[in-house]
Amino acid sequence: MNETSLRRSQAVAKGLTYLFLIAGSVLMIFPFVWMILTSLKTLAESMQVPPTILPAKAVFENFTYAVTSLPFVNLYINTILLIFFRVVCAIAFSSMAGYAFAKLKFRGKNLLFGLVLVQMMMPSQIFIIPQYQMLASVSLTNSIFALVFPGIVSAFGTFFLRQSYLGIPNEIGEAAYLDGCNQWQTFTKVMAPLTGNSVAALTIFTAVFAYADLMWPLVVNTDINMMTLSSGLATLKGQFTTNYPVLMAGSLLAMIPMLVLYLFFQKQFVEGIAMTGGK
């Protein structure tokens, strides 16, 4: 194959790659664009067959109706508190547990870590009934603590940070011990700071999972003022008919926290996902 044919083949391959990526991007962004356009339609336009893409006239009253139908201020506050406390608990407890499983020797270590892996492999839905019964028995339903409760301990976070601590040479901990550090000082002052990238990735994934959690907030909190954005939006769906423009308008308003979080921590999002994929 001569040089001209090689360049032509490379150009064709590059063009097909870009074409594939563009098609994938369109497929990914189309639901978001459809949501925006639907939020500006009338109810009749949203249910028209065949469907119309552009609204005949933008109807901004859908946003007003969505805001008046739901206590968005309370939903925002509950969602922010849910994300904050789940992230704090995931970082604190998963980091300590991950360090213990990676660097410490104690009886039953493999058995306990096996239980962590079993919990990761099981669907979270099977824990809903026992978790709800635990909270109901102490009258803690319809509370912020009830929202945070399933995320106090993260099996995924424990496994993820254990892998990060395993990548740190044991000689670093031994050097800290020779310098006079006890086990807690070795963990807090030497080992934990070396897992900054992993902690950032865990923070991102925990925040996204907490924001998207729908079933648990619907089960444990029946008071609309104690629901999160995802569970509050679910109440806009009617039993027989649904006002889809209002539902889409509420969905757009509910996306604001994640959009703001992404705009402020865009670099950490990309680095965290890339680093996780590399591991």
C-alpha atoms as a PDB file:
ATOM      1  CA  MET A   1       0.000   0.000   0.000  1.00  0.00           C
ATOM      2  CA  ASN A   2       1.476   3.329  -1.061  1.00  0.00           C
ATOM      3  CA  GLU A   3       1.503   6.472   1.070  1.00  0.00           C
ATOM      4  CA  THR A   4      -1.485   8.055  -0.715  1.00  0.00           C
ATOM      5  CA  SER A   5      -3.687   5.005  -0.152  1.00  0.00           C
ATOM      6  CA  LEU A   6      -2.610   4.847   3.493  1.00  0.00           C
ATOM      7  CA  ARG A   7      -3.525   8.480   4.076  1.00  0.00           C
ATOM      8  CA  ARG A   8      -6.840   7.944   2.321  1.00  0.00           C
ATOM      9  CA  SER A   9      -7.617   4.939   4.509  1.00  0.00           C
ATOM     10  CA  GLN A  10      -6.707   6.889   7.647  1.00  0.00           C
ATOM     11  CA  ALA A  11      -8.920   9.791   6.552  1.00  0.00           C
ATOM     12  CA  VAL A  12     -11.857   7.447   5.906  1.00  0.00           C
ATOM     13  CA  ALA A  13     -11.364   5.744   9.282  1.00  0.00           C
ATOM     14  CA  LYS A  14     -11.155   9.116  11.023  1.00  0.00           C
ATOM     15  CA  GLY A  15     -14.272  10.347   9.215  1.00  0.00           C
ATOM     16  CA  LEU A  16     -16.238   7.229  10.198  1.00  0.00           C
ATOM     17  CA  THR A  17     -15.094   7.624  13.792  1.00  0.00           C
ATOM     18  CA  TYR A  18     -16.296  11.223  13.925  1.00  0.00           C
ATOM     19  CA  LEU A  19     -19.554  10.236  12.239  1.00  0.00           C
ATOM     20  CA  PHE A  20     -20.120   7.519  14.836  1.00  0.00           C
ATOM     21  CA  LEU A  21     -19.347   9.919  17.697  1.00  0.00           C
ATOM     22  CA  ILE A  22     -21.657  12.588  16.290  1.00  0.00           C
ATOM     23  CA  ALA A  23     -24.478  10.057  15.915  1.00  0.00           C
ATOM     24  CA  GLY A  24     -23.934   8.907  19.494  1.00  0.00           C
ATOM     25  CA  SER A  25     -23.945  12.502  20.740  1.00  0.00           C
ATOM     26  CA  VAL A  26     -27.215  13.214  18.942  1.00  0.00           C
ATOM     27  CA  LEU A  27     -28.819  10.116  20.463  1.00  0.00           C
ATOM     28  CA  MET A  28     -27.627  11.159  23.926  1.00  0.00           C
ATOM     29  CA  ILE A  29     -28.745  14.788  23.724  1.00  0.00           C
ATOM     30  CA  PHE A  30     -32.057  14.248  21.893  1.00  0.00           C
ATOM     31  CA  PRO A  31     -34.076  13.294  25.049  1.00  0.00           C
ATOM     32  CA  PHE A  32     -32.800  16.444  26.779  1.00  0.00           C
ATOM     33  CA  VAL A  33     -33.794  18.635  23.817  1.00  0.00           C
ATOM     34  CA  TRP A  34     -37.173  16.883  23.602  1.00  0.00           C
ATOM     35  CA  MET A  35     -37.743  17.578  27.316  1.00  0.00           C
ATOM     36  CA  ILE A  36     -37.035  21.292  26.821  1.00  0.00           C
ATOM     37  CA  LEU A  37     -39.340  21.527  23.801  1.00  0.00           C
ATOM     38  CA  THR A  38     -42.123  19.564  25.518  1.00  0.00           C
ATOM     39  CA  SER A  39     -41.970  21.863  28.551  1.00  0.00           C
ATOM     40  CA  LEU A  40     -42.890  24.746  26.231  1.00  0.00           C
ATOM     41  CA  LYS A  41     -45.859  23.005  24.571  1.00  0.00           C
ATOM     42  CA  THR A  42     -49.515  22.876  25.442  1.00  0.00           C
ATOM     43  CA  LEU A  43     -51.002  19.626  26.703  1.00  0.00           C
ATOM     44  CA  ALA A  44     -52.718  19.030  23.359  1.00  0.00           C
ATOM     45  CA  GLU A  45     -49.455  19.533  21.445  1.00  0.00           C
ATOM     46  CA  SER A  46     -47.571  17.148  23.719  1.00  0.00           C
ATOM     47  CA  MET A  47     -50.085  14.365  22.989  1.00  0.00           C
ATOM     48  CA  GLN A  48     -50.511  15.063  19.297  1.00  0.00           C
ATOM     49  CA  VAL A  49     -50.104  12.164  16.835  1.00  0.00           C
ATOM     50  CA  PRO A  50     -47.912  12.361  14.827  1.00  0.00           C
ATOM     51  CA  PRO A  51     -45.842  14.313  17.331  1.00  0.00           C
ATOM     52  CA  THR A  52     -44.697  17.843  16.658  1.00  0.00           C
ATOM     53  CA  ILE A  53     -41.119  18.801  17.422  1.00  0.00           C
ATOM     54  CA  LEU A  54     -41.372  22.565  17.841  1.00  0.00           C
ATOM     55  CA  PRO A  55     -44.179  24.175  19.875  1.00  0.00           C
ATOM     56  CA  ALA A  56     -46.503  26.497  17.984  1.00  0.00           C
ATOM     57  CA  LYS A  57     -46.090  29.028  20.809  1.00  0.00           C
ATOM     58  CA  ALA A  58     -43.883  28.837  23.895  1.00  0.00           C
ATOM     59  CA  VAL A  59     -46.002  28.258  27.010  1.00  0.00           C
ATOM     60  CA  PHE A  60     -43.971  29.392  30.031  1.00  0.00           C
ATOM     61  CA  GLU A  61     -46.968  28.937  32.329  1.00  0.00           C
ATOM     62  CA  ASN A  62     -45.965  25.276  32.616  1.00  0.00           C
ATOM     63  CA  PHE A  63     -43.048  26.309  34.831  1.00  0.00           C
ATOM     64  CA  THR A  64     -45.323  28.456  36.983  1.00  0.00           C
ATOM     65  CA  TYR A  65     -47.761  25.582  37.401  1.00  0.00           C
ATOM     66  CA  ALA A  66     -44.945  23.172  38.284  1.00  0.00           C
ATOM     67  CA  VAL A  67     -43.598  25.548  40.956  1.00  0.00           C
ATOM     68  CA  THR A  68     -47.038  26.081  42.481  1.00  0.00           C
ATOM     69  CA  SER A  69     -47.858  22.355  42.388  1.00  0.00           C
ATOM     70  CA  LEU A  70     -44.780  21.297  44.351  1.00  0.00           C
ATOM     71  CA  PRO A  71     -42.861  22.852  47.277  1.00  0.00           C
ATOM     72  CA  PHE A  72     -39.682  23.210  45.233  1.00  0.00           C
ATOM     73  CA  VAL A  73     -37.807  25.068  47.991  1.00  0.00           C
ATOM     74  CA  ASN A  74     -38.258  22.140  50.386  1.00  0.00           C
ATOM     75  CA  LEU A  75     -37.440  19.647  47.639  1.00  0.00           C
ATOM     76  CA  TYR A  76     -34.202  21.481  46.829  1.00  0.00           C
ATOM     77  CA  ILE A  77     -33.200  21.660  50.501  1.00  0.00           C
ATOM     78  CA  ASN A  78     -33.973  17.970  51.097  1.00  0.00           C
ATOM     79  CA  THR A  79     -32.035  16.937  47.993  1.00  0.00           C
ATOM     80  CA  ILE A  80     -29.008  19.066  48.913  1.00  0.00           C
ATOM     81  CA  LEU A  81     -28.983  17.701  52.477  1.00  0.00           C
ATOM     82  CA  LEU A  82     -29.369  14.148  51.165  1.00  0.00           C
ATOM     83  CA  ILE A  83     -26.398  14.554  48.827  1.00  0.00           C
ATOM     84  CA  PHE A  84     -24.254  16.309  51.454  1.00  0.00           C
ATOM     85  CA  PHE A  85     -24.751  13.781  54.252  1.00  0.00           C
ATOM     86  CA  ARG A  86     -24.440  10.744  51.994  1.00  0.00           C
ATOM     87  CA  VAL A  87     -21.193  12.093  50.562  1.00  0.00           C
ATOM     88  CA  VAL A  88     -19.799  12.831  54.043  1.00  0.00           C
ATOM     89  CA  CYS A  89     -20.751   9.372  55.328  1.00  0.00           C
ATOM     90  CA  ALA A  90     -19.414   7.623  52.222  1.00  0.00           C
ATOM     91  CA  ILE A  91     -16.059   9.401  52.431  1.00  0.00           C
ATOM     92  CA  ALA A  92     -15.613   9.000  56.189  1.00  0.00           C
ATOM     93  CA  PHE A  93     -16.729   5.406  56.724  1.00  0.00           C
ATOM     94  CA  SER A  94     -15.654   3.991  53.365  1.00  0.00           C
ATOM     95  CA  SER A  95     -12.188   5.478  53.724  1.00  0.00           C
ATOM     96  CA  MET A  96     -11.701   3.959  57.186  1.00  0.00           C
ATOM     97  CA  ALA A  97     -13.124   0.594  56.147  1.00  0.00           C
ATOM     98  CA  GLY A  98     -11.131   0.569  52.904  1.00  0.00           C
ATOM     99  CA  TYR A  99      -7.907   1.299  54.765  1.00  0.00           C
ATOM    100  CA  ALA A 100      -8.618  -1.432  57.315  1.00  0.00           C
ATOM    101  CA  PHE A 101      -9.341  -4.053  54.644  1.00  0.00           C
ATOM    102  CA  ALA A 102      -6.278  -3.044  52.616  1.00  0.00           C
ATOM    103  CA  LYS A 103      -3.566  -2.469  55.220  1.00  0.00           C
ATOM    104  CA  LEU A 104      -4.566  -3.996  58.552  1.00  0.00           C
ATOM    105  CA  LYS A 105      -4.523  -7.609  59.663  1.00  0.00           C
ATOM    106  CA  PHE A 106      -7.345  -8.788  61.920  1.00  0.00           C
ATOM    107  CA  ARG A 107      -9.407 -11.907  62.493  1.00  0.00           C
ATOM    108  CA  GLY A 108     -12.342 -12.360  60.104  1.00  0.00           C
ATOM    109  CA  LYS A 109     -11.003  -9.837  57.610  1.00  0.00           C
ATOM    110  CA  ASN A 110     -11.719 -11.942  54.519  1.00  0.00           C
ATOM    111  CA  LEU A 111     -15.163 -12.951  55.795  1.00  0.00           C
ATOM    112  CA  LEU A 112     -16.180  -9.352  56.442  1.00  0.00           C
ATOM    113  CA  PHE A 113     -14.892  -8.192  53.080  1.00  0.00           C
ATOM    114  CA  GLY A 114     -16.806 -11.058  51.475  1.00  0.00           C
ATOM    115  CA  LEU A 115     -19.976  -9.679  53.071  1.00  0.00           C
ATOM    116  CA  VAL A 116     -19.196  -6.305  51.502  1.00  0.00           C
ATOM    117  CA  LEU A 117     -18.891  -7.950  48.086  1.00  0.00           C
ATOM    118  CA  VAL A 118     -22.143  -9.856  48.622  1.00  0.00           C
ATOM    119  CA  GLN A 119     -23.942  -6.612  49.411  1.00  0.00           C
ATOM    120  CA  MET A 120     -22.558  -5.074  46.219  1.00  0.00           C
ATOM    121  CA  MET A 121     -23.827  -7.981  44.133  1.00  0.00           C
ATOM    122  CA  MET A 122     -27.345  -7.902  45.571  1.00  0.00           C
ATOM    123  CA  PRO A 123     -29.954  -5.456  44.232  1.00  0.00           C
ATOM    124  CA  SER A 124     -30.603  -2.606  46.644  1.00  0.00           C
ATOM    125  CA  GLN A 125     -34.372  -3.176  46.441  1.00  0.00           C
ATOM    126  CA  ILE A 126     -34.191  -6.266  48.665  1.00  0.00           C
ATOM    127  CA  PHE A 127     -33.005  -4.081  51.570  1.00  0.00           C
ATOM    128  CA  ILE A 128     -35.912  -1.621  51.375  1.00  0.00           C
ATOM    129  CA  ILE A 129     -38.339  -3.538  53.613  1.00  0.00           C
ATOM    130  CA  PRO A 130     -35.907  -4.263  56.499  1.00  0.00           C
ATOM    131  CA  GLN A 131     -34.493  -0.724  56.338  1.00  0.00           C
ATOM    132  CA  TYR A 132     -37.992   0.755  56.429  1.00  0.00           C
ATOM    133  CA  GLN A 133     -38.964  -1.459  59.369  1.00  0.00           C
ATOM    134  CA  MET A 134     -35.871  -0.350  61.271  1.00  0.00           C
ATOM    135  CA  LEU A 135     -36.766   3.328  60.813  1.00  0.00           C
ATOM    136  CA  ALA A 136     -40.483   2.817  61.458  1.00  0.00           C
ATOM    137  CA  SER A 137     -39.757   1.004  64.730  1.00  0.00           C
ATOM    138  CA  VAL A 138     -38.043   4.132  66.101  1.00  0.00           C
ATOM    139  CA  SER A 139     -40.441   6.623  64.415  1.00  0.00           C
ATOM    140  CA  LEU A 140     -37.810   8.165  62.134  1.00  0.00           C
ATOM    141  CA  THR A 141     -39.734   8.065  58.862  1.00  0.00           C
ATOM    142  CA  ASN A 142     -40.508  11.383  57.132  1.00  0.00           C
ATOM    143  CA  SER A 143     -37.151  12.827  58.147  1.00  0.00           C
ATOM    144  CA  ILE A 144     -33.823  13.786  56.615  1.00  0.00           C
ATOM    145  CA  PHE A 145     -32.145  10.966  58.524  1.00  0.00           C
ATOM    146  CA  ALA A 146     -34.515   8.505  56.846  1.00  0.00           C
ATOM    147  CA  LEU A 147     -33.302   9.718  53.435  1.00  0.00           C
ATOM    148  CA  VAL A 148     -29.636   9.374  54.415  1.00  0.00           C
ATOM    149  CA  PHE A 149     -29.966   6.072  56.275  1.00  0.00           C
ATOM    150  CA  PRO A 150     -29.277   3.607  53.390  1.00  0.00           C
ATOM    151  CA  GLY A 151     -26.168   5.567  52.382  1.00  0.00           C
ATOM    152  CA  ILE A 152     -24.490   5.760  55.788  1.00  0.00           C
ATOM    153  CA  VAL A 153     -22.332   2.794  54.801  1.00  0.00           C
ATOM    154  CA  SER A 154     -21.379   2.341  51.149  1.00  0.00           C
ATOM    155  CA  ALA A 155     -20.283  -1.115  50.001  1.00  0.00           C
ATOM    156  CA  PHE A 156     -19.175   0.329  46.669  1.00  0.00           C
ATOM    157  CA  GLY A 157     -17.184   3.066  48.411  1.00  0.00           C
ATOM    158  CA  THR A 158     -15.503   0.543  50.712  1.00  0.00           C
ATOM    159  CA  PHE A 159     -14.468  -1.648  47.798  1.00  0.00           C
ATOM    160  CA  PHE A 160     -13.409   1.324  45.669  1.00  0.00           C
ATOM    161  CA  LEU A 161     -11.189   2.917  48.329  1.00  0.00           C
ATOM    162  CA  ARG A 162      -9.776  -0.459  49.363  1.00  0.00           C
ATOM    163  CA  GLN A 163      -8.458  -0.820  45.839  1.00  0.00           C
ATOM    164  CA  SER A 164      -6.961   2.660  46.097  1.00  0.00           C
ATOM    165  CA  TYR A 165      -5.199   1.874  49.382  1.00  0.00           C
ATOM    166  CA  LEU A 166      -3.886  -1.395  47.945  1.00  0.00           C
ATOM    167  CA  GLY A 167      -2.086   0.678  45.320  1.00  0.00           C
ATOM    168  CA  ILE A 168      -0.116   2.532  48.012  1.00  0.00           C
ATOM    169  CA  PRO A 169       3.183   0.771  48.899  1.00  0.00           C
ATOM    170  CA  ASN A 170       3.334  -0.683  52.399  1.00  0.00           C
ATOM    171  CA  GLU A 171       6.749   0.934  52.839  1.00  0.00           C
ATOM    172  CA  ILE A 172       5.053   4.326  53.229  1.00  0.00           C
ATOM    173  CA  GLY A 173       3.074   3.133  56.238  1.00  0.00           C
ATOM    174  CA  GLU A 174       6.142   1.442  57.695  1.00  0.00           C
ATOM    175  CA  ALA A 175       8.128   4.655  57.330  1.00  0.00           C
ATOM    176  CA  ALA A 176       5.390   6.575  59.149  1.00  0.00           C
ATOM    177  CA  TYR A 177       5.478   4.009  61.949  1.00  0.00           C
ATOM    178  CA  LEU A 178       9.246   4.386  62.292  1.00  0.00           C
ATOM    179  CA  ASP A 179       8.753   8.151  62.523  1.00  0.00           C
ATOM    180  CA  GLY A 180       6.534   7.653  65.557  1.00  0.00           C
ATOM    181  CA  CYS A 181       3.039   7.653  64.038  1.00  0.00           C
ATOM    182  CA  ASN A 182       0.421   5.383  65.514  1.00  0.00           C
ATOM    183  CA  GLN A 183      -2.122   3.613  63.302  1.00  0.00           C
ATOM    184  CA  TRP A 184      -4.645   6.485  63.365  1.00  0.00           C
ATOM    185  CA  GLN A 185      -1.986   9.077  62.560  1.00  0.00           C
ATOM    186  CA  THR A 186      -0.678   6.918  59.728  1.00  0.00           C
ATOM    187  CA  PHE A 187      -4.170   6.736  58.287  1.00  0.00           C
ATOM    188  CA  THR A 188      -5.173  10.397  58.668  1.00  0.00           C
ATOM    189  CA  LYS A 189      -1.832  12.132  57.992  1.00  0.00           C
ATOM    190  CA  VAL A 190      -0.099   9.791  55.532  1.00  0.00           C
ATOM    191  CA  MET A 191      -2.406   7.345  53.777  1.00  0.00           C
ATOM    192  CA  ALA A 192      -5.685   9.233  53.412  1.00  0.00           C
ATOM    193  CA  PRO A 193      -4.165  12.301  51.690  1.00  0.00           C
ATOM    194  CA  LEU A 194      -2.722   9.995  49.003  1.00  0.00           C
ATOM    195  CA  THR A 195      -6.226   8.892  47.942  1.00  0.00           C
ATOM    196  CA  GLY A 196      -7.451  12.362  46.976  1.00  0.00           C
ATOM    197  CA  ASN A 197      -8.328  11.444  43.385  1.00  0.00           C
ATOM    198  CA  SER A 198     -10.209   8.334  44.468  1.00  0.00           C
ATOM    199  CA  VAL A 199     -12.108  10.286  47.118  1.00  0.00           C
ATOM    200  CA  ALA A 200     -13.047  12.901  44.492  1.00  0.00           C
ATOM    201  CA  ALA A 201     -14.353  10.162  42.187  1.00  0.00           C
ATOM    202  CA  LEU A 202     -16.310   8.559  45.043  1.00  0.00           C
ATOM    203  CA  THR A 203     -17.779  11.959  45.925  1.00  0.00           C
ATOM    204  CA  ILE A 204     -18.999  12.439  42.358  1.00  0.00           C
ATOM    205  CA  PHE A 205     -20.576   9.007  42.039  1.00  0.00           C
ATOM    206  CA  THR A 206     -22.174   9.181  45.496  1.00  0.00           C
ATOM    207  CA  ALA A 207     -23.678  12.588  44.695  1.00  0.00           C
ATOM    208  CA  VAL A 208     -25.066  11.380  41.362  1.00  0.00           C
ATOM    209  CA  PHE A 209     -26.497   8.172  42.867  1.00  0.00           C
ATOM    210  CA  ALA A 210     -28.088  10.098  45.758  1.00  0.00           C
ATOM    211  CA  TYR A 211     -29.599  12.675  43.409  1.00  0.00           C
ATOM    212  CA  ALA A 212     -31.083   9.971  41.170  1.00  0.00           C
ATOM    213  CA  ASP A 213     -32.454   7.848  44.041  1.00  0.00           C
ATOM    214  CA  LEU A 214     -36.212   7.534  43.516  1.00  0.00           C
ATOM    215  CA  MET A 215     -37.657   4.430  45.147  1.00  0.00           C
ATOM    216  CA  TRP A 216     -36.312   4.866  48.690  1.00  0.00           C
ATOM    217  CA  PRO A 217     -37.461   8.507  49.149  1.00  0.00           C
ATOM    218  CA  LEU A 218     -40.908   7.544  47.861  1.00  0.00           C
ATOM    219  CA  VAL A 219     -41.153   4.666  50.349  1.00  0.00           C
ATOM    220  CA  VAL A 220     -39.759   6.230  53.497  1.00  0.00           C
ATOM    221  CA  ASN A 221     -41.108   9.790  53.216  1.00  0.00           C
ATOM    222  CA  THR A 222     -44.795  10.163  52.386  1.00  0.00           C
ATOM    223  CA  ASP A 223     -44.953  13.852  53.306  1.00  0.00           C
ATOM    224  CA  ILE A 224     -44.435  15.932  50.148  1.00  0.00           C
ATOM    225  CA  ASN A 225     -42.429  18.496  52.158  1.00  0.00           C
ATOM    226  CA  MET A 226     -39.905  15.809  53.116  1.00  0.00           C
ATOM    227  CA  MET A 227     -39.439  14.338  49.633  1.00  0.00           C
ATOM    228  CA  THR A 228     -36.530  14.904  47.272  1.00  0.00           C
ATOM    229  CA  LEU A 229     -36.680  16.318  43.754  1.00  0.00           C
ATOM    230  CA  SER A 230     -36.920  12.909  42.079  1.00  0.00           C
ATOM    231  CA  SER A 231     -39.678  11.600  44.341  1.00  0.00           C
ATOM    232  CA  GLY A 232     -41.531  14.927  44.287  1.00  0.00           C
ATOM    233  CA  LEU A 233     -41.603  14.918  40.490  1.00  0.00           C
ATOM    234  CA  ALA A 234     -43.079  11.414  40.572  1.00  0.00           C
ATOM    235  CA  THR A 235     -46.184  12.858  42.236  1.00  0.00           C
ATOM    236  CA  LEU A 236     -46.862  14.956  39.119  1.00  0.00           C
ATOM    237  CA  LYS A 237     -47.607  11.790  37.177  1.00  0.00           C
ATOM    238  CA  GLY A 238     -51.351  11.197  37.301  1.00  0.00           C
ATOM    239  CA  GLN A 239     -53.036   7.827  37.661  1.00  0.00           C
ATOM    240  CA  PHE A 240     -55.009   8.134  34.418  1.00  0.00           C
ATOM    241  CA  THR A 241     -53.651  11.221  32.621  1.00  0.00           C
ATOM    242  CA  THR A 242     -50.405  13.147  32.984  1.00  0.00           C
ATOM    243  CA  ASN A 243     -49.706  16.765  32.104  1.00  0.00           C
ATOM    244  CA  TYR A 244     -46.431  16.076  30.333  1.00  0.00           C
ATOM    245  CA  PRO A 245     -45.477  19.740  29.668  1.00  0.00           C
ATOM    246  CA  VAL A 246     -45.730  20.485  33.398  1.00  0.00           C
ATOM    247  CA  LEU A 247     -43.832  17.301  34.218  1.00  0.00           C
ATOM    248  CA  MET A 248     -41.053  18.245  31.787  1.00  0.00           C
ATOM    249  CA  ALA A 249     -40.950  21.794  33.189  1.00  0.00           C
ATOM    250  CA  GLY A 250     -40.554  20.381  36.699  1.00  0.00           C
ATOM    251  CA  SER A 251     -37.847  18.015  35.456  1.00  0.00           C
ATOM    252  CA  LEU A 252     -35.901  20.957  34.029  1.00  0.00           C
ATOM    253  CA  LEU A 253     -36.135  22.796  37.348  1.00  0.00           C
ATOM    254  CA  ALA A 254     -35.013  19.633  39.159  1.00  0.00           C
ATOM    255  CA  MET A 255     -31.876  19.437  36.995  1.00  0.00           C
ATOM    256  CA  ILE A 256     -30.511  22.736  38.313  1.00  0.00           C
ATOM    257  CA  PRO A 257     -28.534  21.248  41.279  1.00  0.00           C
ATOM    258  CA  MET A 258     -26.697  18.732  39.101  1.00  0.00           C
ATOM    259  CA  LEU A 259     -26.017  21.319  36.389  1.00  0.00           C
ATOM    260  CA  VAL A 260     -24.564  23.733  38.944  1.00  0.00           C
ATOM    261  CA  LEU A 261     -22.523  20.926  40.512  1.00  0.00           C
ATOM    262  CA  TYR A 262     -21.167  19.926  37.116  1.00  0.00           C
ATOM    263  CA  LEU A 263     -20.306  23.510  36.121  1.00  0.00           C
ATOM    264  CA  PHE A 264     -18.317  24.046  39.314  1.00  0.00           C
ATOM    265  CA  PHE A 265     -16.640  20.625  39.364  1.00  0.00           C
ATOM    266  CA  GLN A 266     -16.391  19.818  35.657  1.00  0.00           C
ATOM    267  CA  LYS A 267     -12.670  19.058  35.878  1.00  0.00           C
ATOM    268  CA  GLN A 268     -13.173  16.709  38.832  1.00  0.00           C
ATOM    269  CA  PHE A 269     -16.033  14.948  37.018  1.00  0.00           C
ATOM    270  CA  VAL A 270     -13.877  14.199  33.987  1.00  0.00           C
ATOM    271  CA  GLU A 271     -10.765  13.254  35.978  1.00  0.00           C
ATOM    272  CA  GLY A 272     -12.732  11.083  38.370  1.00  0.00           C
ATOM    273  CA  ILE A 273     -14.473   9.123  35.630  1.00  0.00           C
ATOM    274  CA  ALA A 274     -11.238   8.769  33.640  1.00  0.00           C
ATOM    275  CA  MET A 275      -9.341   7.620  36.722  1.00  0.00           C
ATOM    276  CA  THR A 276     -12.049   5.124  37.633  1.00  0.00           C
ATOM    277  CA  GLY A 277     -12.013   3.699  34.130  1.00  0.00           C
ATOM    278  CA  GLY A 278      -8.244   3.370  34.296  1.00  0.00           C
ATOM    279  CA  LYS A 279      -8.445   1.350  37.480  1.00  0.00           C
END
